[in-house]
Protein backbone atom coordinates (compact mmCIF):
# COMPACT_ATOMS: atom_id res chain seq x y z
CA MET A 1 45.33 77.63 124.85
CA SER A 2 47.28 74.57 125.97
CA ASP A 3 46.65 72.79 129.24
CA PRO A 4 48.94 74.48 131.82
CA ALA A 5 49.81 71.09 133.25
CA SER A 6 51.12 69.94 129.89
CA ILE A 7 54.33 71.90 130.26
CA ARG A 8 55.35 69.66 133.17
CA ARG A 9 55.21 65.97 132.38
CA LEU A 10 56.95 63.07 134.07
CA TYR A 11 60.52 62.72 132.83
CA GLY A 12 63.17 60.22 133.91
CA ARG A 13 63.21 56.86 135.65
CA ARG A 14 60.32 55.40 137.63
CA SER A 15 62.45 53.04 139.70
CA GLY A 16 66.00 52.48 140.88
CA HIS A 17 67.35 49.51 142.83
CA LYS A 18 65.43 46.25 142.99
CA LEU A 19 62.96 45.98 145.86
CA ARG A 20 63.53 43.55 148.72
CA GLN A 21 60.77 41.08 149.55
CA GLY A 22 59.46 43.09 152.50
CA GLN A 23 59.39 46.28 150.44
CA ALA A 24 57.49 44.58 147.64
CA ALA A 25 54.98 43.28 150.18
CA LEU A 26 54.43 46.79 151.51
CA LEU A 27 53.81 48.04 148.01
CA GLU A 28 51.29 45.28 147.39
CA ASP A 29 49.48 45.39 150.73
CA LEU A 30 49.69 48.92 152.17
CA LEU A 31 49.70 51.16 149.12
CA PRO A 32 46.27 50.06 147.82
CA ARG A 33 44.74 50.88 151.22
CA ILE A 34 46.05 54.44 151.31
CA ALA A 35 46.25 55.29 147.61
CA VAL A 36 44.47 58.35 146.25
CA PRO A 37 41.47 57.08 144.24
CA GLU A 38 42.12 56.95 140.51
CA ALA A 39 38.90 58.74 139.58
CA GLY A 40 36.48 61.29 140.94
CA PRO A 41 36.92 64.47 142.96
CA ILE A 42 39.41 64.49 145.82
CA THR A 43 38.26 66.13 149.03
CA SER A 44 38.98 65.85 152.73
CA GLN A 45 35.65 64.05 153.09
CA SER A 46 36.39 61.54 150.35
CA LEU A 47 39.86 60.76 151.70
CA PHE A 48 39.42 61.00 155.47
CA GLY A 49 35.69 61.23 156.13
CA ASP A 50 35.81 64.69 157.70
CA ASP A 51 36.66 68.32 156.96
CA ARG A 52 40.24 68.41 158.23
CA PRO A 53 42.79 70.80 156.66
CA LEU A 54 44.66 69.34 153.69
CA HIS A 55 48.36 69.46 152.82
CA PHE A 56 49.85 68.44 149.47
CA GLU A 57 53.48 67.46 148.76
CA ILE A 58 54.77 67.36 145.19
CA GLY A 59 57.56 64.83 144.78
CA PHE A 60 58.05 63.62 148.36
CA GLY A 61 61.31 61.74 147.73
CA SER A 62 61.53 59.01 150.38
CA GLY A 63 58.71 60.53 152.42
CA GLU A 64 60.71 61.89 155.36
CA HIS A 65 59.21 65.39 155.26
CA LEU A 66 55.73 64.06 154.53
CA ALA A 67 55.83 61.64 157.48
CA TYR A 68 57.30 64.27 159.81
CA ARG A 69 54.57 66.78 159.03
CA ALA A 70 51.82 64.16 159.25
CA ASP A 71 53.12 63.02 162.64
CA LEU A 72 53.36 66.65 163.81
CA LEU A 73 49.77 67.43 162.73
CA PRO A 74 47.72 64.26 163.27
CA ASP A 75 44.39 66.08 162.85
CA HIS A 76 45.37 67.30 159.36
CA GLY A 77 45.27 65.29 156.14
CA PHE A 78 48.25 64.84 153.83
CA ILE A 79 48.42 63.93 150.15
CA GLY A 80 51.80 62.98 148.73
CA CYS A 81 52.66 62.39 145.08
CA GLU A 82 55.87 60.81 143.86
CA PRO A 83 56.51 59.20 140.45
CA PHE A 84 59.41 56.99 141.51
CA LEU A 85 58.73 53.53 142.89
CA ASN A 86 61.59 53.45 145.38
CA GLY A 87 60.51 56.78 146.87
CA VAL A 88 56.97 55.50 147.36
CA VAL A 89 58.32 52.42 149.13
CA GLY A 90 60.42 54.67 151.39
CA ALA A 91 57.31 56.66 152.32
CA LEU A 92 55.36 53.48 153.01
CA LEU A 93 58.07 52.39 155.46
CA HIS A 94 57.76 55.70 157.34
CA LEU A 95 53.97 55.50 157.42
CA ARG A 96 54.03 51.92 158.68
CA ASP A 97 56.66 52.56 161.35
CA LYS A 98 54.91 55.70 162.64
CA ALA A 99 51.41 54.19 162.28
CA LEU A 100 50.25 57.27 160.37
CA GLY A 101 46.66 57.08 159.19
CA ASN A 102 46.37 60.67 157.95
CA VAL A 103 48.34 60.26 154.69
CA ARG A 104 47.24 59.30 151.19
CA LEU A 105 49.74 58.56 148.41
CA HIS A 106 49.76 58.71 144.63
CA MET A 107 52.53 57.16 142.55
CA GLY A 108 52.55 59.36 139.48
CA ASP A 109 52.04 62.91 138.24
CA ALA A 110 51.19 65.32 141.06
CA LEU A 111 49.53 67.87 138.78
CA ARG A 112 46.91 65.38 137.64
CA VAL A 113 45.93 64.87 141.26
CA LEU A 114 46.02 68.58 142.06
CA GLU A 115 43.62 69.28 139.21
CA ARG A 116 41.01 67.03 140.84
CA LEU A 117 41.00 68.95 144.12
CA PRO A 118 38.42 71.71 144.66
CA ASP A 119 39.76 75.23 144.33
CA ALA A 120 40.91 76.82 147.60
CA SER A 121 40.92 73.44 149.38
CA LEU A 122 44.57 73.21 150.50
CA ARG A 123 46.25 74.71 153.55
CA PHE A 124 49.83 73.92 152.48
CA VAL A 125 51.62 72.87 149.29
CA TYR A 126 55.23 71.63 149.48
CA LEU A 127 57.79 71.42 146.68
CA LEU A 128 61.11 70.39 148.20
CA HIS A 129 64.26 69.95 146.12
CA PRO A 130 62.56 69.41 142.75
CA ASP A 131 64.61 68.32 139.77
CA PRO A 132 66.29 71.57 138.63
CA TRP A 133 66.61 70.65 134.96
CA PRO A 134 69.72 72.87 134.76
CA LYS A 135 70.06 73.09 130.99
CA ALA A 136 68.38 76.16 129.50
CA ARG A 137 66.57 74.13 126.86
CA HIS A 138 64.93 72.08 129.63
CA ALA A 139 63.66 75.08 131.61
CA LYS A 140 60.07 74.37 130.53
CA ARG A 141 60.24 71.05 132.38
CA ARG A 142 60.71 72.74 135.75
CA MET A 143 57.84 72.62 138.18
CA MET A 144 58.50 76.27 138.99
CA ASN A 145 56.79 77.58 135.88
CA HIS A 146 53.60 79.60 135.56
CA GLY A 147 51.50 76.67 134.33
CA PRO A 148 52.00 74.51 137.44
CA LEU A 149 51.99 77.57 139.68
CA ASP A 150 48.60 78.59 138.31
CA ILE A 151 47.24 75.23 139.45
CA ILE A 152 48.92 75.48 142.86
CA ALA A 153 47.53 79.00 143.32
CA ALA A 154 44.03 77.86 142.42
CA LYS A 155 44.06 74.98 144.88
CA LEU A 156 45.54 76.89 147.84
CA ALA A 157 43.05 78.63 150.08
CA PRO A 158 43.58 82.36 150.64
CA GLY A 159 46.22 82.62 153.35
CA GLY A 160 47.48 79.13 152.53
CA GLU A 161 51.21 78.55 152.24
CA PHE A 162 53.43 77.31 149.41
CA ARG A 163 56.87 76.09 150.52
CA LEU A 164 59.80 75.58 148.17
CA GLY A 165 63.23 74.24 149.02
CA THR A 166 66.24 73.91 146.71
CA ASP A 167 70.02 73.56 146.87
CA ASP A 168 70.53 74.41 143.19
CA PRO A 169 71.69 78.03 142.59
CA THR A 170 70.21 78.16 139.09
CA TYR A 171 66.87 76.86 140.30
CA CYS A 172 66.93 79.31 143.20
CA ARG A 173 67.42 82.27 140.88
CA TRP A 174 64.87 80.94 138.39
CA SER A 175 62.26 80.43 141.11
CA MET A 176 62.74 83.91 142.49
CA MET A 177 62.39 85.37 139.00
CA VAL A 178 59.19 83.44 138.29
CA MET A 179 57.60 84.17 141.66
CA ASN A 180 58.47 87.87 141.44
CA GLN A 181 56.32 88.01 138.31
CA ARG A 182 53.25 86.86 140.20
CA THR A 183 50.79 88.90 142.22
CA ASP A 184 48.91 85.98 143.81
CA PHE A 185 51.70 85.03 146.24
CA GLU A 186 53.36 87.04 149.01
CA TRP A 187 56.95 86.10 149.85
CA LEU A 188 57.16 85.64 153.63
CA ALA A 189 60.73 86.88 154.00
CA GLU A 190 61.34 89.85 156.26
CA SER A 191 65.12 89.97 155.87
CA ALA A 192 67.73 88.86 153.36
CA SER A 193 68.77 85.97 155.62
CA ASP A 194 65.28 84.50 156.10
CA PHE A 195 65.46 82.19 153.12
CA LEU A 196 68.78 80.78 154.38
CA MET A 197 67.22 79.58 157.65
CA ARG A 198 65.06 76.48 157.83
CA PRO A 199 61.64 77.47 159.24
CA GLY A 200 60.15 75.70 162.22
CA GLY A 201 58.31 72.51 161.40
CA TRP A 202 60.51 71.96 158.32
CA PRO A 203 62.76 68.95 159.02
CA GLU A 204 66.12 68.28 157.43
CA THR A 205 65.79 65.34 155.06
CA ARG A 206 68.55 62.97 154.04
CA TYR A 207 68.63 64.66 150.65
CA GLU A 208 69.24 68.05 152.26
CA ALA A 209 71.91 66.65 154.60
CA LYS A 210 73.65 65.09 151.61
CA ALA A 211 73.56 68.42 149.77
CA ARG A 212 75.16 70.16 152.74
CA ARG A 213 77.89 67.52 152.97
CA LYS A 214 78.71 68.38 149.36
CA GLY A 215 79.08 72.02 150.38
CA HIS A 216 75.80 73.18 148.84
CA GLU A 217 73.81 76.03 150.32
CA VAL A 218 70.10 75.35 150.84
CA TRP A 219 67.39 77.97 150.29
CA TYR A 220 63.96 77.91 151.92
CA PHE A 221 61.06 79.85 150.44
CA ARG A 222 57.67 80.45 152.03
CA TYR A 223 54.88 82.14 150.06
CA ARG A 224 51.40 83.06 151.28
CA ARG A 225 48.49 82.79 148.88
CA ALA A 226 47.01 86.25 148.50
C-alpha cells in the first residue's frame, strides 16, 4: 500500500517576487529561531516547553489567519506550514509586528510535519483556500483527498476541529463529496446557510477579500473529529 501522503506532493513555484533587504534579513534571523525542528517528534513540549493545545495550519498564505488566531489564543501553540518563500516572509512580518511567541513555522510540505506529530495531539487543523487543481486529471493533487485526510484525522484529538475554506465551486463540491464518504468527521452545519457564513474567530484574509471583489462566493466548512 502506498504512503497516503504520497498522493499530495509539492507542486508549483516556491517563490515569487524578489525579497527586499529587510525581508531577507527576517528570513535569515527570525525564521531559524521559530522553525519547526527538521528531525524528531513534534510535541507541545518540544516546541513550547509545556502542554498547551496545538493548532496546525496547512498552507498559511501570507500568515494573516495564523497570526490572528495566535494573537487571539496566546496560551495555545500554533504550527504553520507553507511551501512558498514569499508567504513565509509575510508570516514572519506578522509575527514580528505582533510579537507572537506562540507560533512555529515550516517552509515546506505540511504532511511531512503532520506525520511527526503524535496521534490525537491537535485541537484544530486549518486548510484555507487550498490550490483547487481544477482539471480532472489533477484531482489527485488536491489536499482534500482521503490520503491527507487520513493523516489529519489521526492527528486531531477526538472533538478536535478541522476547518476548510474555499472560493472555488469545483473544490467546494469535491470536498463535500469526499467528506460525505467519511465517518470520522461530523459536519458542524445546522442549516443550509451555515457554510456561507464566516464563523466567529475566522478572520477575512486578503485572499478572501480579493475573491469577493471578483464576485466569488466563499464557503466555510467546520468538521468535528468523531
